[in-house]
PDB file of N, CA and C in Angstrom:
ATOM      1  N   MET A   1       0.848  -1.170   0.000  1.00  0.00           N
ATOM      2  CA  MET A   1       0.000   0.000   0.000  1.00  0.00           C
ATOM      3  C   MET A   1       0.895   1.234   0.000  1.00  0.00           C
ATOM      4  N   ARG A   2       0.538   2.179  -0.836  1.00  0.00           N
ATOM      5  CA  ARG A   2       1.317   3.409  -0.891  1.00  0.00           C
ATOM      6  C   ARG A   2       1.106   4.233   0.369  1.00  0.00           C
ATOM      7  N   ASP A   3       2.088   5.038   0.706  1.00  0.00           N
ATOM      8  CA  ASP A   3       2.023   5.852   1.921  1.00  0.00           C
ATOM      9  C   ASP A   3       0.839   6.811   1.895  1.00  0.00           C
ATOM     10  N   LYS A   4       0.618   7.475   0.761  1.00  0.00           N
ATOM     11  CA  LYS A   4      -0.478   8.437   0.656  1.00  0.00           C
ATOM     12  C   LYS A   4      -1.821   7.748   0.908  1.00  0.00           C
ATOM     13  N   THR A   5      -2.008   6.586   0.323  1.00  0.00           N
ATOM     14  CA  THR A   5      -3.251   5.837   0.514  1.00  0.00           C
ATOM     15  C   THR A   5      -3.418   5.431   1.973  1.00  0.00           C
ATOM     16  N   PHE A   6      -2.336   4.983   2.588  1.00  0.00           N
ATOM     17  CA  PHE A   6      -2.387   4.579   3.984  1.00  0.00           C
ATOM     18  C   PHE A   6      -2.795   5.738   4.893  1.00  0.00           C
ATOM     19  N   PHE A   7      -2.170   6.904   4.708  1.00  0.00           N
ATOM     20  CA  PHE A   7      -2.471   8.047   5.561  1.00  0.00           C
ATOM     21  C   PHE A   7      -3.891   8.562   5.334  1.00  0.00           C
ATOM     22  N   ASN A   8      -4.364   8.536   4.096  1.00  0.00           N
ATOM     23  CA  ASN A   8      -5.747   8.942   3.836  1.00  0.00           C
ATOM     24  C   ASN A   8      -6.731   7.961   4.459  1.00  0.00           C
ATOM     25  N   LEU A   9      -6.446   6.681   4.352  1.00  0.00           N
ATOM     26  CA  LEU A   9      -7.314   5.675   4.958  1.00  0.00           C
ATOM     27  C   LEU A   9      -7.304   5.798   6.482  1.00  0.00           C
ATOM     28  N   LEU A  10      -6.148   6.033   7.046  1.00  0.00           N
ATOM     29  CA  LEU A  10      -6.033   6.229   8.489  1.00  0.00           C
ATOM     30  C   LEU A  10      -6.865   7.420   8.956  1.00  0.00           C
ATOM     31  N   GLY A  11      -6.803   8.515   8.236  1.00  0.00           N
ATOM     32  CA  GLY A  11      -7.585   9.697   8.586  1.00  0.00           C
ATOM     33  C   GLY A  11      -9.081   9.453   8.470  1.00  0.00           C
ATOM     34  N   ALA A  12      -9.502   8.762   7.423  1.00  0.00           N
ATOM     35  CA  ALA A  12     -10.930   8.484   7.226  1.00  0.00           C
ATOM     36  C   ALA A  12     -11.473   7.570   8.317  1.00  0.00           C
ATOM     37  N   VAL A  13     -10.723   6.535   8.649  1.00  0.00           N
ATOM     38  CA  VAL A  13     -11.166   5.609   9.700  1.00  0.00           C
ATOM     39  C   VAL A  13     -11.218   6.327  11.050  1.00  0.00           C
ATOM     40  N   THR A  14     -10.253   7.157  11.323  1.00  0.00           N
ATOM     41  CA  THR A  14     -10.235   7.915  12.570  1.00  0.00           C
ATOM     42  C   THR A  14     -11.449   8.832  12.667  1.00  0.00           C
ATOM     43  N   TYR A  15     -11.729   9.554  11.598  1.00  0.00           N
ATOM     44  CA  TYR A  15     -12.862  10.477  11.595  1.00  0.00           C
ATOM     45  C   TYR A  15     -14.178   9.733  11.776  1.00  0.00           C
ATOM     46  N   LEU A  16     -14.355   8.652  11.040  1.00  0.00           N
ATOM     47  CA  LEU A  16     -15.592   7.880  11.148  1.00  0.00           C
ATOM     48  C   LEU A  16     -15.755   7.234  12.527  1.00  0.00           C
ATOM     49  N   SER A  17     -14.651   6.800  13.131  1.00  0.00           N
ATOM     50  CA  SER A  17     -14.751   6.185  14.455  1.00  0.00           C
ATOM     51  C   SER A  17     -15.162   7.209  15.510  1.00  0.00           C
ATOM     52  N   TRP A  18     -14.693   8.450  15.398  1.00  0.00           N
ATOM     53  CA  TRP A  18     -15.109   9.496  16.325  1.00  0.00           C
ATOM     54  C   TRP A  18     -16.605   9.757  16.197  1.00  0.00           C
ATOM     55  N   LEU A  19     -17.074   9.878  14.951  1.00  0.00           N
ATOM     56  CA  LEU A  19     -18.497  10.132  14.741  1.00  0.00           C
ATOM     57  C   LEU A  19     -19.346   8.965  15.249  1.00  0.00           C
ATOM     58  N   LEU A  20     -18.886   7.758  15.006  1.00  0.00           N
ATOM     59  CA  LEU A  20     -19.602   6.577  15.475  1.00  0.00           C
ATOM     60  C   LEU A  20     -19.628   6.537  17.006  1.00  0.00           C
ATOM     61  N   TYR A  21     -18.532   6.887  17.635  1.00  0.00           N
ATOM     62  CA  TYR A  21     -18.474   6.919  19.101  1.00  0.00           C
ATOM     63  C   TYR A  21     -19.534   7.864  19.670  1.00  0.00           C
ATOM     64  N   PHE A  22     -19.591   9.079  19.128  1.00  0.00           N
ATOM     65  CA  PHE A  22     -20.565  10.033  19.654  1.00  0.00           C
ATOM     66  C   PHE A  22     -21.991   9.652  19.296  1.00  0.00           C
ATOM     67  N   LEU A  23     -22.179   8.947  18.215  1.00  0.00           N
ATOM     68  CA  LEU A  23     -23.508   8.443  17.874  1.00  0.00           C
ATOM     69  C   LEU A  23     -23.955   7.368  18.860  1.00  0.00           C
ATOM     70  N   LEU A  24     -23.047   6.508  19.257  1.00  0.00           N
ATOM     71  CA  LEU A  24     -23.381   5.427  20.173  1.00  0.00           C
ATOM     72  C   LEU A  24     -23.501   5.880  21.631  1.00  0.00           C
ATOM     73  N   TYR A  25     -22.725   6.870  22.029  1.00  0.00           N
ATOM     74  CA  TYR A  25     -22.715   7.318  23.425  1.00  0.00           C
ATOM     75  C   TYR A  25     -23.248   8.746  23.579  1.00  0.00           C
ATOM     76  N   TYR A  26     -24.239   9.095  22.758  1.00  0.00           N
ATOM     77  CA  TYR A  26     -24.790  10.444  22.824  1.00  0.00           C
ATOM     78  C   TYR A  26     -25.438  10.746  24.170  1.00  0.00           C
ATOM     79  N   HIS A  27     -25.916   9.729  24.875  1.00  0.00           N
ATOM     80  CA  HIS A  27     -26.587   9.955  26.150  1.00  0.00           C
ATOM     81  C   HIS A  27     -25.616  10.343  27.268  1.00  0.00           C
ATOM     82  N   ALA A  28     -24.329  10.113  27.071  1.00  0.00           N
ATOM     83  CA  ALA A  28     -23.343  10.430  28.101  1.00  0.00           C
ATOM     84  C   ALA A  28     -22.847  11.875  28.016  1.00  0.00           C
ATOM     85  N   TYR A  29     -23.205  12.573  26.946  1.00  0.00           N
ATOM     86  CA  TYR A  29     -22.726  13.936  26.724  1.00  0.00           C
ATOM     87  C   TYR A  29     -23.893  14.865  26.430  1.00  0.00           C
ATOM     88  N   THR A  30     -23.689  16.140  26.699  1.00  0.00           N
ATOM     89  CA  THR A  30     -24.707  17.128  26.336  1.00  0.00           C
ATOM     90  C   THR A  30     -24.581  17.436  24.847  1.00  0.00           C
ATOM     91  N   ASN A  31     -25.616  18.030  24.299  1.00  0.00           N
ATOM     92  CA  ASN A  31     -25.583  18.373  22.876  1.00  0.00           C
ATOM     93  C   ASN A  31     -24.454  19.341  22.558  1.00  0.00           C
ATOM     94  N   SER A  32     -24.210  20.277  23.426  1.00  0.00           N
ATOM     95  CA  SER A  32     -23.149  21.254  23.165  1.00  0.00           C
ATOM     96  C   SER A  32     -21.766  20.594  23.178  1.00  0.00           C
ATOM     97  N   GLU A  33     -21.567  19.617  24.048  1.00  0.00           N
ATOM     98  CA  GLU A  33     -20.280  18.904  24.069  1.00  0.00           C
ATOM     99  C   GLU A  33     -20.082  18.095  22.787  1.00  0.00           C
ATOM    100  N   ILE A  34     -21.136  17.483  22.299  1.00  0.00           N
ATOM    101  CA  ILE A  34     -21.035  16.698  21.065  1.00  0.00           C
ATOM    102  C   ILE A  34     -20.754  17.613  19.875  1.00  0.00           C
ATOM    103  N   VAL A  35     -21.449  18.728  19.793  1.00  0.00           N
ATOM    104  CA  VAL A  35     -21.220  19.678  18.697  1.00  0.00           C
ATOM    105  C   VAL A  35     -19.796  20.204  18.748  1.00  0.00           C
ATOM    106  N   GLU A  36     -19.331  20.542  19.930  1.00  0.00           N
ATOM    107  CA  GLU A  36     -17.956  21.042  20.093  1.00  0.00           C
ATOM    108  C   GLU A  36     -16.934  19.993  19.652  1.00  0.00           C
ATOM    109  N   ALA A  37     -17.153  18.747  20.035  1.00  0.00           N
ATOM    110  CA  ALA A  37     -16.228  17.677  19.677  1.00  0.00           C
ATOM    111  C   ALA A  37     -16.237  17.410  18.175  1.00  0.00           C
ATOM    112  N   VAL A  38     -17.410  17.421  17.562  1.00  0.00           N
ATOM    113  CA  VAL A  38     -17.503  17.177  16.118  1.00  0.00           C
ATOM    114  C   VAL A  38     -16.856  18.322  15.338  1.00  0.00           C
ATOM    115  N   ILE A  39     -17.049  19.538  15.784  1.00  0.00           N
ATOM    116  CA  ILE A  39     -16.392  20.673  15.131  1.00  0.00           C
ATOM    117  C   ILE A  39     -14.878  20.559  15.280  1.00  0.00           C
ATOM    118  N   PHE A  40     -14.414  20.213  16.472  1.00  0.00           N
ATOM    119  CA  PHE A  40     -12.975  20.069  16.700  1.00  0.00           C
ATOM    120  C   PHE A  40     -12.368  19.002  15.803  1.00  0.00           C
ATOM    121  N   ILE A  41     -12.973  17.810  15.759  1.00  0.00           N
ATOM    122  CA  ILE A  41     -12.398  16.736  14.959  1.00  0.00           C
ATOM    123  C   ILE A  41     -12.510  17.044  13.467  1.00  0.00           C
ATOM    124  N   SER A  42     -13.535  17.772  13.065  1.00  0.00           N
ATOM    125  CA  SER A  42     -13.663  18.153  11.660  1.00  0.00           C
ATOM    126  C   SER A  42     -12.554  19.119  11.248  1.00  0.00           C
ATOM    127  N   VAL A  43     -12.288  20.094  12.096  1.00  0.00           N
ATOM    128  CA  VAL A  43     -11.201  21.041  11.806  1.00  0.00           C
ATOM    129  C   VAL A  43      -9.855  20.313  11.825  1.00  0.00           C
ATOM    130  N   ALA A  44      -9.677  19.427  12.795  1.00  0.00           N
ATOM    131  CA  ALA A  44      -8.420  18.663  12.870  1.00  0.00           C
ATOM    132  C   ALA A  44      -8.240  17.792  11.626  1.00  0.00           C
ATOM    133  N   MET A  45      -9.313  17.212  11.132  1.00  0.00           N
ATOM    134  CA  MET A  45      -9.213  16.362   9.936  1.00  0.00           C
ATOM    135  C   MET A  45      -8.942  17.186   8.686  1.00  0.00           C
ATOM    136  N   ILE A  46      -9.501  18.377   8.603  1.00  0.00           N
ATOM    137  CA  ILE A  46      -9.195  19.258   7.468  1.00  0.00           C
ATOM    138  C   ILE A  46      -7.712  19.593   7.456  1.00  0.00           C
ATOM    139  N   ILE A  47      -7.170  19.926   8.622  1.00  0.00           N
ATOM    140  CA  ILE A  47      -5.738  20.221   8.723  1.00  0.00           C
ATOM    141  C   ILE A  47      -4.918  18.981   8.388  1.00  0.00           C
ATOM    142  N   TYR A  48      -5.335  17.821   8.889  1.00  0.00           N
ATOM    143  CA  TYR A  48      -4.616  16.572   8.629  1.00  0.00           C
ATOM    144  C   TYR A  48      -4.589  16.248   7.145  1.00  0.00           C
ATOM    145  N   PHE A  49      -5.757  16.296   6.492  1.00  0.00           N
ATOM    146  CA  PHE A  49      -5.805  15.962   5.069  1.00  0.00           C
ATOM    147  C   PHE A  49      -5.087  16.997   4.211  1.00  0.00           C
ATOM    148  N   ALA A  50      -5.144  18.260   4.598  1.00  0.00           N
ATOM    149  CA  ALA A  50      -4.407  19.290   3.862  1.00  0.00           C
ATOM    150  C   ALA A  50      -2.902  19.065   3.991  1.00  0.00           C
ATOM    151  N   THR A  51      -2.452  18.738   5.195  1.00  0.00           N
ATOM    152  CA  THR A  51      -1.033  18.460   5.395  1.00  0.00           C
ATOM    153  C   THR A  51      -0.598  17.238   4.602  1.00  0.00           C
ATOM    154  N   THR A  52      -1.406  16.202   4.617  1.00  0.00           N
ATOM    155  CA  THR A  52      -1.099  14.993   3.846  1.00  0.00           C
ATOM    156  C   THR A  52      -1.062  15.300   2.352  1.00  0.00           C
ATOM    157  N   PHE A  53      -2.025  16.079   1.883  1.00  0.00           N
ATOM    158  CA  PHE A  53      -2.079  16.433   0.465  1.00  0.00           C
ATOM    159  C   PHE A  53      -0.827  17.195   0.039  1.00  0.00           C
ATOM    160  N   PHE A  54      -0.454  18.210   0.810  1.00  0.00           N
ATOM    161  CA  PHE A  54       0.707  19.015   0.438  1.00  0.00           C
ATOM    162  C   PHE A  54       2.017  18.248   0.602  1.00  0.00           C
ATOM    163  N   TYR A  55       2.081  17.344   1.534  1.00  0.00           N
ATOM    164  CA  TYR A  55       3.299  16.555   1.722  1.00  0.00           C
ATOM    165  C   TYR A  55       3.530  15.610   0.541  1.00  0.00           C
ATOM    166  N   PHE A  56       2.481  14.970   0.060  1.00  0.00           N
ATOM    167  CA  PHE A  56       2.625  13.984  -1.005  1.00  0.00           C
ATOM    168  C   PHE A  56       2.445  14.576  -2.407  1.00  0.00           C
ATOM    169  N   ARG A  57       2.219  15.869  -2.508  1.00  0.00           N
ATOM    170  CA  ARG A  57       2.074  16.496  -3.813  1.00  0.00           C
ATOM    171  C   ARG A  57       3.429  16.508  -4.516  1.00  0.00           C
ATOM    172  N   LYS A  58       3.404  16.191  -5.769  1.00  0.00           N
ATOM    173  CA  LYS A  58       4.673  16.137  -6.522  1.00  0.00           C
ATOM    174  C   LYS A  58       4.701  17.159  -7.623  1.00  0.00           C
TER     175      LYS A  58
END
């Protein structure tokens, strides 16, 4: 597997697992905490994918 594919797959699985976690355990958190966490991980994933894109760009 190429490095770029691996890092993109890693980022996608990480993002989906966070969303799945909050979907399954929504009763343990308030709505504002869930929104804050989803916004945080979304921004972090945008930065992650942008960094990966620019690193592997040729």
